[in-house]
Amino acid sequence: MNVTFIGLGAIGLPMAQRIKAVGHAVTGVDLSNRARGLAQESGLAAVDGFEAAPAADVAVAMVATPQQLASLVDSVGANLSGQTWVIMSTVGPDAVRREGERLSAAGARVIDAPVTGGTARAKRGELVIFAAGDEGEIDHARPVLDAMGSVRITGTKLGDGQAIKLVNQHLCSVHIVAAAEALNLARSLGLDPSAVLDLVEKGAAGSWMLSDRGPRMLQGIDVTVTSAIDIFVKDSDLVAAAARMCGADVPLLAVANARYREAADAGLGARDDSRVIDTWK
């Protein structure tokens, strides 16, 4: 298949590389010169606009925000007949339904398929994909989806996948902040946070986020960015908005959201999300 992959960030680039590795013809799209340069260095063709890419059988959208998704849809034109669009960004149910309707009106098939797993799993093709949409359309895109990870069918309607991803991001948001708070507590108690991390992550208090983010929290400010603070500001905002709409009480999410916002306000928005620990200093 000819695949156009839009959004070559920390997780998007390895996803595109996995699709290419199984034999599809992939062209990446990103407005960032740096992102395109990294893609080209890895052997992936990359251009600065959808219209500059070859005609796509499948287009994968992995942009960062609902606003970026709307801008992308604005730019792609009114004739997408024969194309399957897979929206893998975390943008919330309302955005995927709204932009999905616009893409469908232009003739495209649309799948709602946000992912979880992070950069390391993206590189290994081990993401979990929360796919929702018409069964036949998902089947058509399976050769591309399977290259990136494990497909979990979450529903038949656009927005079903995004709703599951919001629950996922609620937990991720809270778990990262809880890990930071616990390591700061260890330091405040006069303990060696590295030793505490090694001990508690093997017991009942362990979590994937503690083991993944904890070591990065202890490495310092210049740790490699795999997911930025700004992403968790956006994601926790999406969760909070959805919770308000449905009347769900999410006090822990509110605390986590406040920490991410504090970090962003302190100039850490582009830093790795593990740097939320710096709000305790």
Protein backbone atom coordinates (compact mmCIF):
# COMPACT_ATOMS: atom_id res chain seq x y z
CA MET A 1 0.00 0.00 0.00
CA ASN A 2 0.95 3.64 -0.48
CA VAL A 3 0.85 5.21 2.98
CA THR A 4 1.05 8.88 3.87
CA PHE A 5 1.99 9.36 7.53
CA ILE A 6 1.29 12.81 8.95
CA GLY A 7 3.13 13.73 12.15
CA LEU A 8 6.74 12.57 12.54
CA GLY A 9 7.27 13.32 16.22
CA ALA A 10 8.83 11.18 18.93
CA ILE A 11 6.25 8.44 18.52
CA GLY A 12 5.07 9.15 14.96
CA LEU A 13 8.45 8.60 13.31
CA PRO A 14 8.99 5.08 14.70
CA MET A 15 5.40 4.21 13.80
CA ALA A 16 6.03 5.29 10.20
CA GLN A 17 9.29 3.35 10.17
CA ARG A 18 7.51 0.18 11.29
CA ILE A 19 5.01 0.52 8.43
CA LYS A 20 7.86 0.95 5.96
CA ALA A 21 9.74 -2.02 7.44
CA VAL A 22 6.96 -4.46 6.53
CA GLY A 23 7.03 -3.41 2.89
CA HIS A 24 4.61 -0.52 2.43
CA ALA A 25 5.62 2.60 0.49
CA VAL A 26 5.58 5.34 3.13
CA THR A 27 5.90 9.10 2.78
CA GLY A 28 6.03 11.16 5.95
CA VAL A 29 4.56 14.63 6.29
CA ASP A 30 5.60 17.19 8.88
CA LEU A 31 5.84 20.97 8.96
CA SER A 32 9.00 20.81 11.07
CA ASN A 33 12.29 20.94 9.18
CA ARG A 34 13.93 19.06 12.04
CA ALA A 35 11.33 16.26 12.01
CA ARG A 36 11.63 15.86 8.24
CA GLY A 37 15.41 15.83 8.51
CA LEU A 38 15.37 13.06 11.11
CA ALA A 39 12.97 11.05 8.95
CA GLN A 40 15.12 11.45 5.86
CA GLU A 41 18.24 10.46 7.81
CA SER A 42 16.46 7.23 8.74
CA GLY A 43 15.63 6.48 5.10
CA LEU A 44 12.01 7.64 5.20
CA ALA A 45 10.82 10.02 2.49
CA ALA A 46 9.38 13.17 4.04
CA VAL A 47 7.63 16.26 2.68
CA ASP A 48 6.13 19.39 4.22
CA GLY A 49 2.52 18.99 3.08
CA PHE A 50 -0.08 16.31 2.31
CA GLU A 51 -0.44 17.55 -1.26
CA ALA A 52 3.28 16.93 -1.87
CA ALA A 53 3.02 13.23 -1.02
CA PRO A 54 2.09 10.53 -3.56
CA ALA A 55 -1.57 9.56 -3.72
CA ALA A 56 -2.32 7.51 -0.61
CA ASP A 57 -4.24 4.29 -0.14
CA VAL A 58 -4.01 4.86 3.62
CA ALA A 59 -3.34 8.16 5.39
CA VAL A 60 -2.32 8.02 9.05
CA ALA A 61 -2.82 11.17 11.14
CA MET A 62 -0.53 11.38 14.20
CA VAL A 63 -0.63 15.11 14.86
CA ALA A 64 -0.50 16.44 18.41
CA THR A 65 -3.70 18.39 19.02
CA PRO A 66 -7.34 18.74 17.91
CA GLN A 67 -6.41 22.09 16.35
CA GLN A 68 -3.65 20.49 14.29
CA LEU A 69 -6.05 17.78 13.13
CA ALA A 70 -8.56 20.42 12.03
CA SER A 71 -5.84 22.31 10.15
CA LEU A 72 -4.76 19.08 8.46
CA VAL A 73 -8.29 18.34 7.31
CA ASP A 74 -8.57 21.92 6.05
CA SER A 75 -5.51 21.32 3.87
CA VAL A 76 -6.25 17.98 2.22
CA GLY A 77 -8.86 18.99 -0.32
CA ALA A 78 -12.35 17.82 -1.16
CA ASN A 79 -11.61 14.63 -3.11
CA LEU A 80 -10.32 11.79 -0.94
CA SER A 81 -12.27 9.05 -2.68
CA GLY A 82 -10.69 5.62 -2.21
CA GLN A 83 -8.52 6.68 0.72
CA THR A 84 -8.69 5.26 4.23
CA TRP A 85 -7.83 7.76 6.96
CA VAL A 86 -6.65 6.42 10.31
CA ILE A 87 -6.74 9.04 13.07
CA MET A 88 -4.24 7.86 15.68
CA SER A 89 -3.76 11.14 17.53
CA THR A 90 -5.22 11.71 21.00
CA VAL A 91 -7.77 14.41 20.20
CA GLY A 92 -10.93 13.37 22.08
CA PRO A 93 -14.25 11.97 20.84
CA ASP A 94 -15.73 15.28 19.68
CA ALA A 95 -12.76 16.20 17.48
CA VAL A 96 -12.51 12.80 15.83
CA ARG A 97 -16.22 12.78 15.06
CA ARG A 98 -16.16 16.34 13.72
CA GLU A 99 -13.09 15.89 11.53
CA GLY A 100 -14.12 12.36 10.60
CA GLU A 101 -17.39 13.70 9.21
CA ARG A 102 -15.48 16.20 7.09
CA LEU A 103 -13.16 13.51 5.75
CA SER A 104 -16.11 11.22 5.02
CA ALA A 105 -17.82 14.03 3.14
CA ALA A 106 -14.71 14.23 0.95
CA GLY A 107 -15.04 10.52 0.15
CA ALA A 108 -12.63 8.96 2.65
CA ARG A 109 -13.16 5.96 4.89
CA VAL A 110 -12.28 6.94 8.47
CA ILE A 111 -11.05 4.90 11.43
CA ASP A 112 -10.64 6.17 14.99
CA ALA A 113 -7.49 4.43 16.28
CA PRO A 114 -5.52 6.18 19.06
CA VAL A 115 -2.52 4.33 20.47
CA THR A 116 -0.81 3.73 23.78
CA GLY A 117 2.61 2.34 24.63
CA GLY A 118 5.15 5.10 24.18
CA THR A 119 8.19 5.55 22.00
CA ALA A 120 10.02 2.36 22.97
CA ARG A 121 7.06 0.16 22.09
CA ALA A 122 6.46 2.13 18.90
CA LYS A 123 9.99 1.25 17.79
CA ARG A 124 9.28 -2.45 18.41
CA GLY A 125 5.86 -2.41 16.75
CA GLU A 126 4.22 -3.22 20.08
CA LEU A 127 1.73 -0.39 20.53
CA VAL A 128 -1.84 -1.08 21.61
CA ILE A 129 -4.26 0.38 19.08
CA PHE A 130 -7.81 1.24 20.22
CA ALA A 131 -9.56 0.87 16.86
CA ALA A 132 -13.15 1.92 16.25
CA GLY A 133 -15.16 2.16 13.07
CA ASP A 134 -16.68 0.02 10.36
CA GLU A 135 -15.38 -3.55 10.56
CA GLY A 136 -14.67 -3.74 6.85
CA GLU A 137 -12.76 -0.47 6.89
CA ILE A 138 -10.64 -1.62 9.82
CA ASP A 139 -9.95 -4.89 7.99
CA HIS A 140 -8.85 -2.91 4.92
CA ALA A 141 -6.31 -1.01 7.03
CA ARG A 142 -5.11 -4.05 9.01
CA PRO A 143 -1.88 -4.53 7.00
CA VAL A 144 -0.86 -1.04 8.11
CA LEU A 145 -2.24 -1.24 11.66
CA ASP A 146 -0.68 -4.63 12.35
CA ALA A 147 2.76 -3.24 11.52
CA MET A 148 2.48 -0.86 14.46
CA GLY A 149 1.08 -3.08 17.17
CA SER A 150 -1.86 -5.03 18.53
CA VAL A 151 -5.29 -3.96 17.32
CA ARG A 152 -8.06 -3.93 19.94
CA ILE A 153 -11.54 -3.33 18.55
CA THR A 154 -13.26 -0.85 20.86
CA GLY A 155 -16.47 -0.08 18.99
CA THR A 156 -18.11 0.69 15.68
CA LYS A 157 -18.45 4.47 15.94
CA LEU A 158 -15.94 7.27 15.60
CA GLY A 159 -15.18 8.43 19.12
CA ASP A 160 -15.30 4.98 20.72
CA GLY A 161 -11.52 4.61 20.45
CA GLN A 162 -10.92 8.14 21.71
CA ALA A 163 -13.13 7.52 24.74
CA ILE A 164 -11.03 4.50 25.73
CA LYS A 165 -7.88 6.57 25.19
CA LEU A 166 -9.17 9.25 27.56
CA VAL A 167 -9.56 6.65 30.31
CA ASN A 168 -6.04 5.48 29.49
CA GLN A 169 -4.70 9.04 29.69
CA HIS A 170 -6.48 9.68 32.98
CA LEU A 171 -4.49 6.83 34.49
CA CYS A 172 -1.23 7.83 32.79
CA SER A 173 -1.60 11.43 33.96
CA VAL A 174 -2.21 10.41 37.56
CA HIS A 175 0.42 7.65 37.63
CA ILE A 176 3.24 9.93 36.43
CA VAL A 177 2.43 12.58 39.02
CA ALA A 178 2.07 9.92 41.74
CA ALA A 179 5.51 8.54 40.85
CA ALA A 180 7.04 12.02 41.03
CA GLU A 181 5.40 12.74 44.36
CA ALA A 182 6.58 9.42 45.83
CA LEU A 183 10.19 9.93 44.72
CA ASN A 184 10.14 13.43 46.17
CA LEU A 185 8.79 11.99 49.42
CA ALA A 186 11.68 9.51 49.48
CA ARG A 187 14.16 12.36 49.02
CA SER A 188 12.47 14.43 51.74
CA LEU A 189 12.70 11.48 54.14
CA GLY A 190 16.46 11.44 53.62
CA LEU A 191 16.38 8.28 51.52
CA ASP A 192 18.19 7.57 48.26
CA PRO A 193 15.41 7.86 45.64
CA SER A 194 17.23 5.46 43.29
CA ALA A 195 17.38 2.78 45.98
CA VAL A 196 13.74 3.36 46.90
CA LEU A 197 12.70 3.08 43.24
CA ASP A 198 14.55 -0.21 42.87
CA LEU A 199 12.84 -1.60 45.96
CA VAL A 200 9.25 -0.46 45.56
CA GLU A 201 8.85 -1.05 41.83
CA LYS A 202 9.21 -4.78 42.44
CA GLY A 203 6.38 -4.87 45.00
CA ALA A 204 2.67 -4.13 45.15
CA ALA A 205 3.29 -0.39 44.68
CA GLY A 206 5.01 -0.89 41.34
CA SER A 207 3.52 0.39 38.10
CA TRP A 208 4.58 0.61 34.47
CA MET A 209 4.80 4.39 34.76
CA LEU A 210 6.91 4.21 37.92
CA SER A 211 9.40 1.88 36.24
CA ASP A 212 9.44 3.83 32.96
CA ARG A 213 9.35 7.44 34.19
CA GLY A 214 10.99 6.98 37.60
CA PRO A 215 14.55 6.50 36.30
CA ARG A 216 14.13 9.49 33.96
CA MET A 217 12.88 11.62 36.85
CA LEU A 218 16.16 10.93 38.63
CA GLN A 219 18.38 11.59 35.59
CA GLY A 220 17.91 15.35 35.51
CA ILE A 221 16.49 18.11 33.35
CA ASP A 222 18.18 17.15 30.07
CA VAL A 223 16.74 13.64 29.82
CA THR A 224 15.72 12.71 26.25
CA VAL A 225 12.16 13.78 25.48
CA THR A 226 9.86 10.88 24.66
CA SER A 227 6.62 12.65 25.60
CA ALA A 228 6.52 16.33 26.50
CA ILE A 229 4.90 18.06 29.45
CA ASP A 230 2.76 19.99 26.96
CA ILE A 231 1.28 16.71 25.70
CA PHE A 232 0.06 15.86 29.19
CA VAL A 233 -1.33 19.37 29.64
CA LYS A 234 -3.33 18.75 26.47
CA ASP A 235 -4.33 15.17 27.32
CA SER A 236 -5.34 15.90 30.91
CA ASP A 237 -7.32 18.91 29.64
CA LEU A 238 -9.16 16.58 27.24
CA VAL A 239 -9.92 14.14 30.07
CA ALA A 240 -11.14 16.96 32.32
CA ALA A 241 -13.40 18.34 29.59
CA ALA A 242 -14.89 14.91 28.89
CA ALA A 243 -15.44 14.33 32.61
CA ARG A 244 -17.33 17.63 32.89
CA MET A 245 -19.50 16.71 29.92
CA CYS A 246 -20.52 13.36 31.40
CA GLY A 247 -20.64 14.45 35.04
CA ALA A 248 -17.77 12.24 36.24
CA ASP A 249 -15.90 13.26 39.40
CA VAL A 250 -12.12 13.16 38.74
CA PRO A 251 -10.35 14.89 41.66
CA LEU A 252 -7.07 13.02 41.19
CA LEU A 253 -6.99 14.05 37.54
CA ALA A 254 -7.49 17.66 38.59
CA VAL A 255 -4.45 17.48 40.88
CA ALA A 256 -2.33 15.92 38.11
CA ASN A 257 -3.51 18.50 35.57
CA ALA A 258 -2.50 21.31 37.93
CA ARG A 259 1.02 19.86 38.25
CA TYR A 260 1.47 19.63 34.46
CA ARG A 261 0.25 23.20 34.09
CA GLU A 262 2.62 24.36 36.82
CA ALA A 263 5.50 22.67 35.00
CA ALA A 264 4.51 24.22 31.67
CA ASP A 265 4.16 27.66 33.27
CA ALA A 266 7.69 27.23 34.66
CA GLY A 267 9.04 26.85 31.12
CA LEU A 268 9.19 23.05 31.09
CA GLY A 269 6.47 22.44 28.50
CA ALA A 270 8.85 21.10 25.84
CA ARG A 271 10.74 18.94 28.36
CA ASP A 272 10.08 15.25 28.96
CA ASP A 273 6.93 14.62 31.00
CA SER A 274 9.09 13.06 33.72
CA ARG A 275 10.22 16.63 34.55
CA VAL A 276 6.90 17.18 36.31
CA ILE A 277 8.97 16.12 39.33
CA ASP A 278 10.63 19.53 39.19
CA THR A 279 7.42 21.13 40.45
CA TRP A 280 8.35 19.75 43.87
CA LYS A 281 11.63 21.68 44.00
